[in-house]
Structure formats: C-alpha cells, structure tokens
C-alpha atoms as a PDB file:
ATOM      1  CA  UNK A   1      39.576  64.894  66.978  1.00  0.00           C
ATOM      2  CA  UNK A   2      39.501  65.983  63.383  1.00  0.00           C
ATOM      3  CA  UNK A   3      37.253  65.493  60.288  1.00  0.00           C
ATOM      4  CA  UNK A   4      38.240  63.551  57.096  1.00  0.00           C
ATOM      5  CA  UNK A   5      39.653  65.589  53.971  1.00  0.00           C
ATOM      6  CA  UNK A   6      39.376  64.164  50.599  1.00  0.00           C
ATOM      7  CA  UNK A   7      41.363  66.235  48.224  1.00  0.00           C
ATOM      8  CA  UNK A   8      40.909  65.544  44.498  1.00  0.00           C
ATOM      9  CA  UNK A   9      39.823  66.632  40.830  1.00  0.00           C
ATOM     10  CA  UNK A  10      36.756  67.550  38.871  1.00  0.00           C
ATOM     11  CA  UNK A  11      36.536  65.086  36.122  1.00  0.00           C
ATOM     12  CA  UNK A  12      38.979  62.840  34.853  1.00  0.00           C
ATOM     13  CA  UNK A  13      38.491  62.305  30.981  1.00  0.00           C
ATOM     14  CA  UNK A  14      40.575  65.255  29.562  1.00  0.00           C
ATOM     15  CA  UNK A  15      42.402  64.813  26.371  1.00  0.00           C
ATOM     16  CA  UNK A  16      45.624  66.929  27.178  1.00  0.00           C
ATOM     17  CA  UNK A  17      46.134  64.933  30.408  1.00  0.00           C
ATOM     18  CA  UNK A  18      46.879  61.680  28.174  1.00  0.00           C
ATOM     19  CA  UNK A  19      50.627  61.256  28.174  1.00  0.00           C
ATOM     20  CA  UNK A  20      51.185  63.761  30.704  1.00  0.00           C
ATOM     21  CA  UNK A  21      49.327  62.886  34.176  1.00  0.00           C
ATOM     22  CA  UNK A  22      48.370  59.771  32.394  1.00  0.00           C
ATOM     23  CA  UNK A  23      51.222  57.531  31.154  1.00  0.00           C
ATOM     24  CA  UNK A  24      51.550  57.079  27.616  1.00  0.00           C
ATOM     25  CA  UNK A  25      49.635  54.321  26.021  1.00  0.00           C
ATOM     26  CA  UNK A  26      47.238  54.068  28.898  1.00  0.00           C
ATOM     27  CA  UNK A  27      43.920  52.783  27.763  1.00  0.00           C
ATOM     28  CA  UNK A  28      40.848  55.293  28.005  1.00  0.00           C
ATOM     29  CA  UNK A  29      38.893  52.771  30.072  1.00  0.00           C
ATOM     30  CA  UNK A  30      41.461  52.642  32.572  1.00  0.00           C
ATOM     31  CA  UNK A  31      42.113  56.490  33.250  1.00  0.00           C
ATOM     32  CA  UNK A  32      39.968  56.470  35.988  1.00  0.00           C
ATOM     33  CA  UNK A  33      41.403  53.486  37.836  1.00  0.00           C
ATOM     34  CA  UNK A  34      44.769  55.323  37.255  1.00  0.00           C
ATOM     35  CA  UNK A  35      43.318  58.471  38.599  1.00  0.00           C
ATOM     36  CA  UNK A  36      41.524  57.051  41.722  1.00  0.00           C
ATOM     37  CA  UNK A  37      45.398  55.438  42.585  1.00  0.00           C
ATOM     38  CA  UNK A  38      46.537  58.689  42.851  1.00  0.00           C
ATOM     39  CA  UNK A  39      44.046  60.724  44.404  1.00  0.00           C
ATOM     40  CA  UNK A  40      41.211  59.736  47.199  1.00  0.00           C
ATOM     41  CA  UNK A  41      38.081  61.448  45.469  1.00  0.00           C
ATOM     42  CA  UNK A  42      36.899  62.696  41.878  1.00  0.00           C
ATOM     43  CA  UNK A  43      33.970  64.740  41.081  1.00  0.00           C
ATOM     44  CA  UNK A  44      31.681  63.035  38.436  1.00  0.00           C
ATOM     45  CA  UNK A  45      31.249  65.625  35.948  1.00  0.00           C
ATOM     46  CA  UNK A  46      29.240  63.871  32.938  1.00  0.00           C
ATOM     47  CA  UNK A  47      26.113  63.601  35.418  1.00  0.00           C
ATOM     48  CA  UNK A  48      26.074  67.472  35.178  1.00  0.00           C
ATOM     49  CA  UNK A  49      25.525  67.425  31.302  1.00  0.00           C
ATOM     50  CA  UNK A  50      23.211  64.216  30.857  1.00  0.00           C
ATOM     51  CA  UNK A  51      22.101  61.674  33.076  1.00  0.00           C
ATOM     52  CA  UNK A  52      24.055  58.868  33.261  1.00  0.00           C
ATOM     53  CA  UNK A  53      23.197  55.165  33.327  1.00  0.00           C
ATOM     54  CA  UNK A  54      23.260  52.677  36.252  1.00  0.00           C
ATOM     55  CA  UNK A  55      25.616  50.589  34.845  1.00  0.00           C
ATOM     56  CA  UNK A  56      28.229  53.486  34.510  1.00  0.00           C
ATOM     57  CA  UNK A  57      27.783  53.886  38.182  1.00  0.00           C
ATOM     58  CA  UNK A  58      28.321  50.492  38.627  1.00  0.00           C
ATOM     59  CA  UNK A  59      31.401  50.626  36.572  1.00  0.00           C
ATOM     60  CA  UNK A  60      33.079  53.316  38.438  1.00  0.00           C
ATOM     61  CA  UNK A  61      32.443  51.740  41.550  1.00  0.00           C
ATOM     62  CA  UNK A  62      34.463  48.741  40.412  1.00  0.00           C
ATOM     63  CA  UNK A  63      37.080  50.820  38.922  1.00  0.00           C
ATOM     64  CA  UNK A  64      37.951  52.449  42.294  1.00  0.00           C
ATOM     65  CA  UNK A  65      39.660  51.223  45.638  1.00  0.00           C
ATOM     66  CA  UNK A  66      38.155  50.739  48.748  1.00  0.00           C
ATOM     67  CA  UNK A  67      37.929  54.014  50.425  1.00  0.00           C
ATOM     68  CA  UNK A  68      37.228  56.207  47.375  1.00  0.00           C
ATOM     69  CA  UNK A  69      34.804  58.458  47.507  1.00  0.00           C
ATOM     70  CA  UNK A  70      32.696  60.080  44.629  1.00  0.00           C
ATOM     71  CA  UNK A  71      31.022  63.577  44.540  1.00  0.00           C
ATOM     72  CA  UNK A  72      28.194  63.624  41.959  1.00  0.00           C
ATOM     73  CA  UNK A  73      27.279  66.761  39.800  1.00  0.00           C
ATOM     74  CA  UNK A  74      23.608  67.581  39.942  1.00  0.00           C
ATOM     75  CA  UNK A  75      21.985  67.542  36.183  1.00  0.00           C
ATOM     76  CA  UNK A  76      22.253  71.405  34.825  1.00  0.00           C
ATOM     77  CA  UNK A  77      18.431  70.562  33.504  1.00  0.00           C
ATOM     78  CA  UNK A  78      17.343  71.555  37.272  1.00  0.00           C
ATOM     79  CA  UNK A  79      19.664  74.341  37.817  1.00  0.00           C
ATOM     80  CA  UNK A  80      20.436  75.862  34.265  1.00  0.00           C
ATOM     81  CA  UNK A  81      17.197  75.354  32.247  1.00  0.00           C
ATOM     82  CA  UNK A  82      14.304  74.890  34.677  1.00  0.00           C
ATOM     83  CA  UNK A  83      16.080  77.381  37.219  1.00  0.00           C
ATOM     84  CA  UNK A  84      14.460  75.269  40.129  1.00  0.00           C
ATOM     85  CA  UNK A  85      11.032  75.469  38.728  1.00  0.00           C
ATOM     86  CA  UNK A  86       8.792  72.407  38.556  1.00  0.00           C
ATOM     87  CA  UNK A  87      11.911  70.207  39.270  1.00  0.00           C
ATOM     88  CA  UNK A  88      10.177  67.354  41.670  1.00  0.00           C
ATOM     89  CA  UNK A  89      10.216  64.789  38.381  1.00  0.00           C
ATOM     90  CA  UNK A  90      13.561  65.897  37.215  1.00  0.00           C
ATOM     91  CA  UNK A  91      15.049  65.535  40.913  1.00  0.00           C
ATOM     92  CA  UNK A  92      13.564  62.354  41.136  1.00  0.00           C
ATOM     93  CA  UNK A  93      14.851  61.080  37.864  1.00  0.00           C
ATOM     94  CA  UNK A  94      18.643  62.461  38.869  1.00  0.00           C
ATOM     95  CA  UNK A  95      18.236  60.122  42.036  1.00  0.00           C
ATOM     96  CA  UNK A  96      17.136  57.185  40.124  1.00  0.00           C
ATOM     97  CA  UNK A  97      19.533  57.351  37.026  1.00  0.00           C
ATOM     98  CA  UNK A  98      21.855  55.051  39.239  1.00  0.00           C
ATOM     99  CA  UNK A  99      24.046  57.161  41.747  1.00  0.00           C
ATOM    100  CA  UNK A 100      22.623  54.146  44.121  1.00  0.00           C
ATOM    101  CA  UNK A 101      25.243  52.056  42.434  1.00  0.00           C
ATOM    102  CA  UNK A 102      28.311  54.111  44.025  1.00  0.00           C
ATOM    103  CA  UNK A 103      26.961  52.398  47.336  1.00  0.00           C
ATOM    104  CA  UNK A 104      29.338  53.182  50.134  1.00  0.00           C
ATOM    105  CA  UNK A 105      31.535  55.506  47.688  1.00  0.00           C
ATOM    106  CA  UNK A 106      28.845  58.052  47.204  1.00  0.00           C
ATOM    107  CA  UNK A 107      29.593  61.367  48.646  1.00  0.00           C
ATOM    108  CA  UNK A 108      28.194  64.968  48.608  1.00  0.00           C
ATOM    109  CA  UNK A 109      26.167  65.836  45.610  1.00  0.00           C
ATOM    110  CA  UNK A 110      27.065  69.302  43.912  1.00  0.00           C
ATOM    111  CA  UNK A 111      24.666  71.670  42.519  1.00  0.00           C
ATOM    112  CA  UNK A 112      26.154  74.497  40.647  1.00  0.00           C
ATOM    113  CA  UNK A 113      23.744  77.433  39.330  1.00  0.00           C
ATOM    114  CA  UNK A 114      24.693  79.665  36.599  1.00  0.00           C
ATOM    115  CA  UNK A 115      25.517  83.236  36.895  1.00  0.00           C
ATOM    116  CA  UNK A 116      22.005  84.296  35.590  1.00  0.00           C
ATOM    117  CA  UNK A 117      20.218  82.514  38.306  1.00  0.00           C
ATOM    118  CA  UNK A 118      19.245  85.061  41.405  1.00  0.00           C
ATOM    119  CA  UNK A 119      18.460  84.296  44.791  1.00  0.00           C
ATOM    120  CA  UNK A 120      14.956  83.831  45.114  1.00  0.00           C
ATOM    121  CA  UNK A 121      14.217  82.914  48.810  1.00  0.00           C
ATOM    122  CA  UNK A 122      10.928  81.137  48.154  1.00  0.00           C
ATOM    123  CA  UNK A 123      12.062  79.218  45.192  1.00  0.00           C
ATOM    124  CA  UNK A 124      15.285  78.622  46.827  1.00  0.00           C
ATOM    125  CA  UNK A 125      14.011  77.156  49.983  1.00  0.00           C
ATOM    126  CA  UNK A 126      11.564  74.850  48.191  1.00  0.00           C
ATOM    127  CA  UNK A 127      14.531  73.326  46.524  1.00  0.00           C
ATOM    128  CA  UNK A 128      16.433  72.820  49.674  1.00  0.00           C
ATOM    129  CA  UNK A 129      13.683  71.149  51.153  1.00  0.00           C
ATOM    130  CA  UNK A 130      13.369  68.841  48.324  1.00  0.00           C
ATOM    131  CA  UNK A 131      16.818  67.374  49.003  1.00  0.00           C
ATOM    132  CA  UNK A 132      17.110  64.127  50.611  1.00  0.00           C
ATOM    133  CA  UNK A 133      19.221  63.886  53.487  1.00  0.00           C
ATOM    134  CA  UNK A 134      19.939  60.186  53.778  1.00  0.00           C
ATOM    135  CA  UNK A 135      19.577  57.113  51.220  1.00  0.00           C
ATOM    136  CA  UNK A 136      16.108  56.080  52.502  1.00  0.00           C
ATOM    137  CA  UNK A 137      14.848  59.548  51.639  1.00  0.00           C
ATOM    138  CA  UNK A 138      16.599  59.312  48.511  1.00  0.00           C
ATOM    139  CA  UNK A 139      15.033  56.084  47.194  1.00  0.00           C
ATOM    140  CA  UNK A 140      11.579  57.333  48.310  1.00  0.00           C
ATOM    141  CA  UNK A 141      11.883  60.095  46.000  1.00  0.00           C
ATOM    142  CA  UNK A 142      13.719  58.493  43.578  1.00  0.00           C
ATOM    143  CA  UNK A 143      10.667  56.017  42.983  1.00  0.00           C
ATOM    144  CA  UNK A 144       8.605  59.032  41.429  1.00  0.00           C
ATOM    145  CA  UNK A 145      10.870  59.277  38.524  1.00  0.00           C
ATOM    146  CA  UNK A 146       9.255  60.115  35.205  1.00  0.00           C
ATOM    147  CA  UNK A 147       7.781  57.622  32.775  1.00  0.00           C
ATOM    148  CA  UNK A 148      10.877  58.136  30.102  1.00  0.00           C
ATOM    149  CA  UNK A 149      13.256  56.915  32.488  1.00  0.00           C
ATOM    150  CA  UNK A 150      11.690  53.601  32.421  1.00  0.00           C
ATOM    151  CA  UNK A 151      14.168  50.601  31.762  1.00  0.00           C
ATOM    152  CA  UNK A 152      17.164  52.748  32.788  1.00  0.00           C
ATOM    153  CA  UNK A 153      16.876  53.240  36.587  1.00  0.00           C
ATOM    154  CA  UNK A 154      18.539  51.570  39.832  1.00  0.00           C
ATOM    155  CA  UNK A 155      16.767  52.127  42.973  1.00  0.00           C
ATOM    156  CA  UNK A 156      18.461  49.758  45.466  1.00  0.00           C
ATOM    157  CA  UNK A 157      19.678  52.181  47.759  1.00  0.00           C
ATOM    158  CA  UNK A 158      21.385  50.022  50.181  1.00  0.00           C
ATOM    159  CA  UNK A 159      21.677  50.311  54.043  1.00  0.00           C
ATOM    160  CA  UNK A 160      20.787  53.714  54.988  1.00  0.00           C
ATOM    161  CA  UNK A 161      23.584  56.430  54.726  1.00  0.00           C
ATOM    162  CA  UNK A 162      23.736  60.107  55.077  1.00  0.00           C
ATOM    163  CA  UNK A 163      23.245  62.354  52.059  1.00  0.00           C
ATOM    164  CA  UNK A 164      25.348  65.329  51.333  1.00  0.00           C
ATOM    165  CA  UNK A 165      24.439  68.424  49.322  1.00  0.00           C
ATOM    166  CA  UNK A 166      26.558  71.476  48.279  1.00  0.00           C
ATOM    167  CA  UNK A 167      25.690  74.461  46.378  1.00  0.00           C
ATOM    168  CA  UNK A 168      27.894  76.558  44.302  1.00  0.00           C
ATOM    169  CA  UNK A 169      26.648  80.070  43.681  1.00  0.00           C
ATOM    170  CA  UNK A 170      27.559  82.704  40.824  1.00  0.00           C
ATOM    171  CA  UNK A 171      25.582  85.694  41.319  1.00  0.00           C
ATOM    172  CA  UNK A 172      25.972  88.304  43.838  1.00  0.00           C
ATOM    173  CA  UNK A 173      22.515  88.387  45.126  1.00  0.00           C
ATOM    174  CA  UNK A 174      23.441  85.356  47.312  1.00  0.00           C
ATOM    175  CA  UNK A 175      25.763  87.552  49.131  1.00  0.00           C
ATOM    176  CA  UNK A 176      22.851  87.609  51.961  1.00  0.00           C
ATOM    177  CA  UNK A 177      22.894  86.478  55.307  1.00  0.00           C
ATOM    178  CA  UNK A 178      19.328  85.203  54.684  1.00  0.00           C
ATOM    179  CA  UNK A 179      20.918  82.980  52.519  1.00  0.00           C
ATOM    180  CA  UNK A 180      23.691  81.520  54.682  1.00  0.00           C
ATOM    181  CA  UNK A 181      20.799  81.207  57.637  1.00  0.00           C
ATOM    182  CA  UNK A 182      18.460  79.279  54.914  1.00  0.00           C
ATOM    183  CA  UNK A 183      21.394  76.681  53.880  1.00  0.00           C
ATOM    184  CA  UNK A 184      22.200  76.506  57.840  1.00  0.00           C
ATOM    185  CA  UNK A 185      18.547  75.086  58.300  1.00  0.00           C
ATOM    186  CA  UNK A 186      18.847  72.432  56.002  1.00  0.00           C
ATOM    187  CA  UNK A 187      22.552  71.401  56.671  1.00  0.00           C
ATOM    188  CA  UNK A 188      23.364  72.240  52.709  1.00  0.00           C
ATOM    189  CA  UNK A 189      27.139  73.377  52.277  1.00  0.00           C
ATOM    190  CA  UNK A 190      27.827  76.830  50.684  1.00  0.00           C
ATOM    191  CA  UNK A 191      30.628  75.971  48.125  1.00  0.00           C
ATOM    192  CA  UNK A 192      33.929  77.635  48.887  1.00  0.00           C
ATOM    193  CA  UNK A 193      34.706  78.776  45.136  1.00  0.00           C
ATOM    194  CA  UNK A 194      37.741  80.101  43.934  1.00  0.00           C
ATOM    195  CA  UNK A 195      37.277  81.387  40.432  1.00  0.00           C
ATOM    196  CA  UNK A 196      40.358  84.008  39.904  1.00  0.00           C
ATOM    197  CA  UNK A 197      37.795  86.901  41.263  1.00  0.00           C
ATOM    198  CA  UNK A 198      34.910  86.321  38.579  1.00  0.00           C
ATOM    199  CA  UNK A 199      32.359  85.216  40.770  1.00  0.00           C
ATOM    200  CA  UNK A 200      31.535  85.581  44.797  1.00  0.00           C
ATOM    201  CA  UNK A 201      33.980  83.995  47.324  1.00  0.00           C
ATOM    202  CA  UNK A 202      32.469  83.256  50.393  1.00  0.00           C
ATOM    203  CA  UNK A 203      33.710  81.108  53.236  1.00  0.00           C
ATOM    204  CA  UNK A 204      30.644  81.085  55.312  1.00  0.00           C
ATOM    205  CA  UNK A 205      30.166  77.309  56.986  1.00  0.00           C
ATOM    206  CA  UNK A 206      26.763  76.313  56.513  1.00  0.00           C
ATOM    207  CA  UNK A 207      26.642  72.433  56.958  1.00  0.00           C
ATOM    208  CA  UNK A 208      28.484  69.651  58.869  1.00  0.00           C
ATOM    209  CA  UNK A 209      31.273  69.422  56.161  1.00  0.00           C
ATOM    210  CA  UNK A 210      32.857  71.657  53.958  1.00  0.00           C
ATOM    211  CA  UNK A 211      32.982  71.722  50.073  1.00  0.00           C
ATOM    212  CA  UNK A 212      35.745  73.528  48.123  1.00  0.00           C
ATOM    213  CA  UNK A 213      36.249  73.916  44.401  1.00  0.00           C
ATOM    214  CA  UNK A 214      39.500  75.681  43.129  1.00  0.00           C
ATOM    215  CA  UNK A 215      38.755  76.803  39.713  1.00  0.00           C
ATOM    216  CA  UNK A 216      42.312  79.073  39.536  1.00  0.00           C
ATOM    217  CA  UNK A 217      43.388  81.857  41.210  1.00  0.00           C
ATOM    218  CA  UNK A 218      44.674  83.946  38.508  1.00  0.00           C
ATOM    219  CA  UNK A 219      43.213  82.513  35.208  1.00  0.00           C
ATOM    220  CA  UNK A 220      39.889  80.654  35.663  1.00  0.00           C
ATOM    221  CA  UNK A 221      40.340  76.908  34.808  1.00  0.00           C
ATOM    222  CA  UNK A 222      43.751  77.432  33.641  1.00  0.00           C
ATOM    223  CA  UNK A 223      46.365  78.953  35.930  1.00  0.00           C
ATOM    224  CA  UNK A 224      48.070  76.357  38.402  1.00  0.00           C
ATOM    225  CA  UNK A 225      48.386  77.157  42.391  1.00  0.00           C
ATOM    226  CA  UNK A 226      51.844  78.718  43.496  1.00  0.00           C
ATOM    227  CA  UNK A 227      53.259  77.326  46.683  1.00  0.00           C
ATOM    228  CA  UNK A 228      51.907  80.153  48.819  1.00  0.00           C
ATOM    229  CA  UNK A 229      48.473  79.597  47.481  1.00  0.00           C
ATOM    230  CA  UNK A 230      48.462  75.866  48.332  1.00  0.00           C
ATOM    231  CA  UNK A 231      49.611  76.713  51.772  1.00  0.00           C
ATOM    232  CA  UNK A 232      46.933  79.045  52.472  1.00  0.00           C
ATOM    233  CA  UNK A 233      44.472  76.488  51.473  1.00  0.00           C
ATOM    234  CA  UNK A 234      46.000  73.662  53.240  1.00  0.00           C
ATOM    235  CA  UNK A 235      45.814  76.250  56.876  1.00  0.00           C
ATOM    236  CA  UNK A 236      42.260  76.902  55.730  1.00  0.00           C
ATOM    237  CA  UNK A 237      41.311  73.212  55.243  1.00  0.00           C
ATOM    238  CA  UNK A 238      43.104  72.239  58.580  1.00  0.00           C
ATOM    239  CA  UNK A 239      40.874  74.940  60.636  1.00  0.00           C
ATOM    240  CA  UNK A 240      37.644  73.638  59.026  1.00  0.00           C
ATOM    241  CA  UNK A 241      38.643  70.153  59.684  1.00  0.00           C
ATOM    242  CA  UNK A 242      39.235  70.804  63.313  1.00  0.00           C
ATOM    243  CA  UNK A 243      35.651  72.701  63.521  1.00  0.00           C
ATOM    244  CA  UNK A 244      37.397  75.765  63.580  1.00  0.00           C
ATOM    245  CA  UNK A 245      36.824  78.994  61.577  1.00  0.00           C
ATOM    246  CA  UNK A 246      40.061  80.053  59.134  1.00  0.00           C
ATOM    247  CA  UNK A 247      41.945  83.422  60.262  1.00  0.00           C
ATOM    248  CA  UNK A 248      40.651  86.237  57.797  1.00  0.00           C
ATOM    249  CA  UNK A 249      37.626  84.173  56.541  1.00  0.00           C
ATOM    250  CA  UNK A 250      35.523  86.160  53.908  1.00  0.00           C
ATOM    251  CA  UNK A 251      32.204  85.716  55.566  1.00  0.00           C
ATOM    252  CA  UNK A 252      28.729  86.961  54.473  1.00  0.00           C
ATOM    253  CA  UNK A 253      26.868  86.414  57.899  1.00  0.00           C
ATOM    254  CA  UNK A 254      27.700  87.675  61.017  1.00  0.00           C
ATOM    255  CA  UNK A 255      26.423  85.071  62.733  1.00  0.00           C
ATOM    256  CA  UNK A 256      28.858  82.168  63.318  1.00  0.00           C
ATOM    257  CA  UNK A 257      27.754  78.442  62.410  1.00  0.00           C
ATOM    258  CA  UNK A 258      26.767  75.703  65.042  1.00  0.00           C
ATOM    259  CA  UNK A 259      29.720  74.635  66.828  1.00  0.00           C
ATOM    260  CA  UNK A 260      31.639  71.039  65.917  1.00  0.00           C
ATOM    261  CA  UNK A 261      34.940  69.821  67.043  1.00  0.00           C
ATOM    262  CA  UNK A 262      35.453  68.235  63.556  1.00  0.00           C
ATOM    263  CA  UNK A 263      34.022  68.773  59.965  1.00  0.00           C
ATOM    264  CA  UNK A 264      34.604  66.930  56.793  1.00  0.00           C
ATOM    265  CA  UNK A 265      36.293  68.484  54.016  1.00  0.00           C
ATOM    266  CA  UNK A 266      35.743  67.926  50.462  1.00  0.00           C
ATOM    267  CA  UNK A 267      38.349  69.721  47.804  1.00  0.00           C
ATOM    268  CA  UNK A 268      38.350  69.476  44.122  1.00  0.00           C
ATOM    269  CA  UNK A 269      40.663  71.089  41.519  1.00  0.00           C
ATOM    270  CA  UNK A 270      38.836  72.258  38.528  1.00  0.00           C
ATOM    271  CA  UNK A 271      42.104  74.260  36.908  1.00  0.00           C
ATOM    272  CA  UNK A 272      42.286  71.210  33.959  1.00  0.00           C
ATOM    273  CA  UNK A 273      43.028  73.297  31.142  1.00  0.00           C
ATOM    274  CA  UNK A 274      46.764  73.078  31.459  1.00  0.00           C
ATOM    275  CA  UNK A 275      47.154  69.714  33.331  1.00  0.00           C
ATOM    276  CA  UNK A 276      47.405  71.672  36.718  1.00  0.00           C
ATOM    277  CA  UNK A 277      44.692  69.841  38.718  1.00  0.00           C
ATOM    278  CA  UNK A 278      45.909  66.200  39.507  1.00  0.00           C
ATOM    279  CA  UNK A 279      49.377  67.792  40.637  1.00  0.00           C
ATOM    280  CA  UNK A 280      47.913  70.640  42.558  1.00  0.00           C
ATOM    281  CA  UNK A 281      45.807  68.167  44.132  1.00  0.00           C
ATOM    282  CA  UNK A 282      48.410  66.116  45.284  1.00  0.00           C
ATOM    283  CA  UNK A 283      50.468  68.800  46.664  1.00  0.00           C
ATOM    284  CA  UNK A 284      47.853  70.315  48.576  1.00  0.00           C
ATOM    285  CA  UNK A 285      47.331  66.664  50.128  1.00  0.00           C
ATOM    286  CA  UNK A 286      51.047  66.721  51.190  1.00  0.00           C
ATOM    287  CA  UNK A 287      50.497  70.161  52.424  1.00  0.00           C
ATOM    288  CA  UNK A 288      47.506  69.179  54.701  1.00  0.00           C
ATOM    289  CA  UNK A 289      49.258  65.866  55.742  1.00  0.00           C
ATOM    290  CA  UNK A 290      52.313  68.090  56.991  1.00  0.00           C
ATOM    291  CA  UNK A 291      50.331  70.099  59.319  1.00  0.00           C
ATOM    292  CA  UNK A 292      50.592  68.854  62.854  1.00  0.00           C
ATOM    293  CA  UNK A 293      47.151  67.541  64.236  1.00  0.00           C
ATOM    294  CA  UNK A 294      46.910  69.718  66.972  1.00  0.00           C
ATOM    295  CA  UNK A 295      47.956  73.069  65.566  1.00  0.00           C
END
C-alpha cells in the first residue's frame, strides 16, 4: 500500500521558459495546457499576489486533463500584511474567490509565511482553527465574504470533499516541538522547504500527507538539482508515501507522527529562474517511478 505522489512546478507563466520548455511559437494562453500535459500537478501562484476570479479557476480546470491536481497558494494579504490578525473576513474572501471552480482538481492550499513572522502560539492556533477541513465547511466560511467581493464570487462547492492545508515557515522560532504538535492537532502539513540553507528545513510529518517545495539546493530559485540530489529526494518521497520516516530525517520534535500505512506526497519545484523546474520535476518523477514498490 502506498500513497499517491504528485510532482510538478510552482507556477507556469515564465517568460524565460518560452522557446525552451514551451515550444517556440506556443500561444501564451496554451502554456498551462502544455505544462499540464507534461506534469501531473502545478501550484497556482497568482492567488498569492491577488485574489483571482471564478472564471480564471474555471478556465484552468478546463485546460487540464482528468486526474490533474492544482495546489492553490493562499493570499499574502493574510500571511504577510495582516500577519494572521483579524483574518476571518479575508479568509472568507479567499475561499469565495473561485477555487471551488477547480472542483475535483483542487488539491492542498499552501500558506506561505515571510521571514518576519514569528511563532506566536495563540495567533497561529487561531489561524489553524479557522482552516476548513472539507469543502462543506469551506463553503460555510466563504458565505461570510466581505461586501467588496460582491459580483465576483463562486460558492458552489460541489460534493463534499476533504480540504488539505500546508504551511511554509521562514523564521527559526518555528523550530519548536509545540509548533509541530499544534500542526498535528489540526492535520496541517509543515512544508518541507529546501531553500539553499536560507530558511529552516524541517521534515517532521504533521498531517496525513506531505508537502515539499524545492527552491534550489545551492542557489535560491535558480540552481538545478544534480542526480544525487534527485535520488535523495526520491528516496524521501518513497519513504513518506509508504508511511515511513526517511532515514536521517531532519526533525524538530522527538515525538513521531500518528502511524499510517500510506501518505500522499505533493512536491513542487520553484527553481524557475533558469528553467530548471519542469525538467527537474520530470527527472524526480522518473526516479520515484523507478523505485521498487516494496523497498
């Protein structure tokens, strides 16, 4: 028994990719369709910078094949500007803004925090308590959207499905067993983030899935992953998908996660500056696929 593995890229609209990863002359509006034909999952980046519209989410759903999965980046207004203060209305806005239009292709929601945000237990736990664990709960919260959203919301969440959330932290104060325990109480994944040593890399499993972001192991957002690094990440993913802990895992908490026979794994390459991301993703997919199921 093993979990599903989704390996892809963070974003898809990058000028340097045109004529390199994307065929020369490919129309910009077909880039998602092309990328989704090469990879099984993509992080939506635009939702981090501004609230997207329902028609955009619907178009992204239509442009991708059956079985494709999107991760959606939560809006930075919540994480970077408000820093988790007075977020009920803005969180409702995010949920109402159109992500339900992804329907069965909606995967985890990623909440990325800036380096200036420290671990404040009370504030952070309040945030985690608000995150909906399924689409029914998400719709109930979305109904509380703020008036400025009127006319640009999508509230049909469809059949009830689980919702998953992951948090990416960038301050050393989060290297705290109490933070790991808190995430486990709410079944929220701690992002395993490889950032060329700039920010913490923690591999504690805190949810029923694992979320990995590979920003570059030598140069942030730029360096490609050599064969040895690809093999090492493939071995980690293989262990996680079988419910095991990778050998030599970099852990914050001495307490193990709840036992599971399998976990789904989502992995996104964000080393996009020099067009490494899509190629590294395909190499990692091949390396994971090549591993014997029972190893």
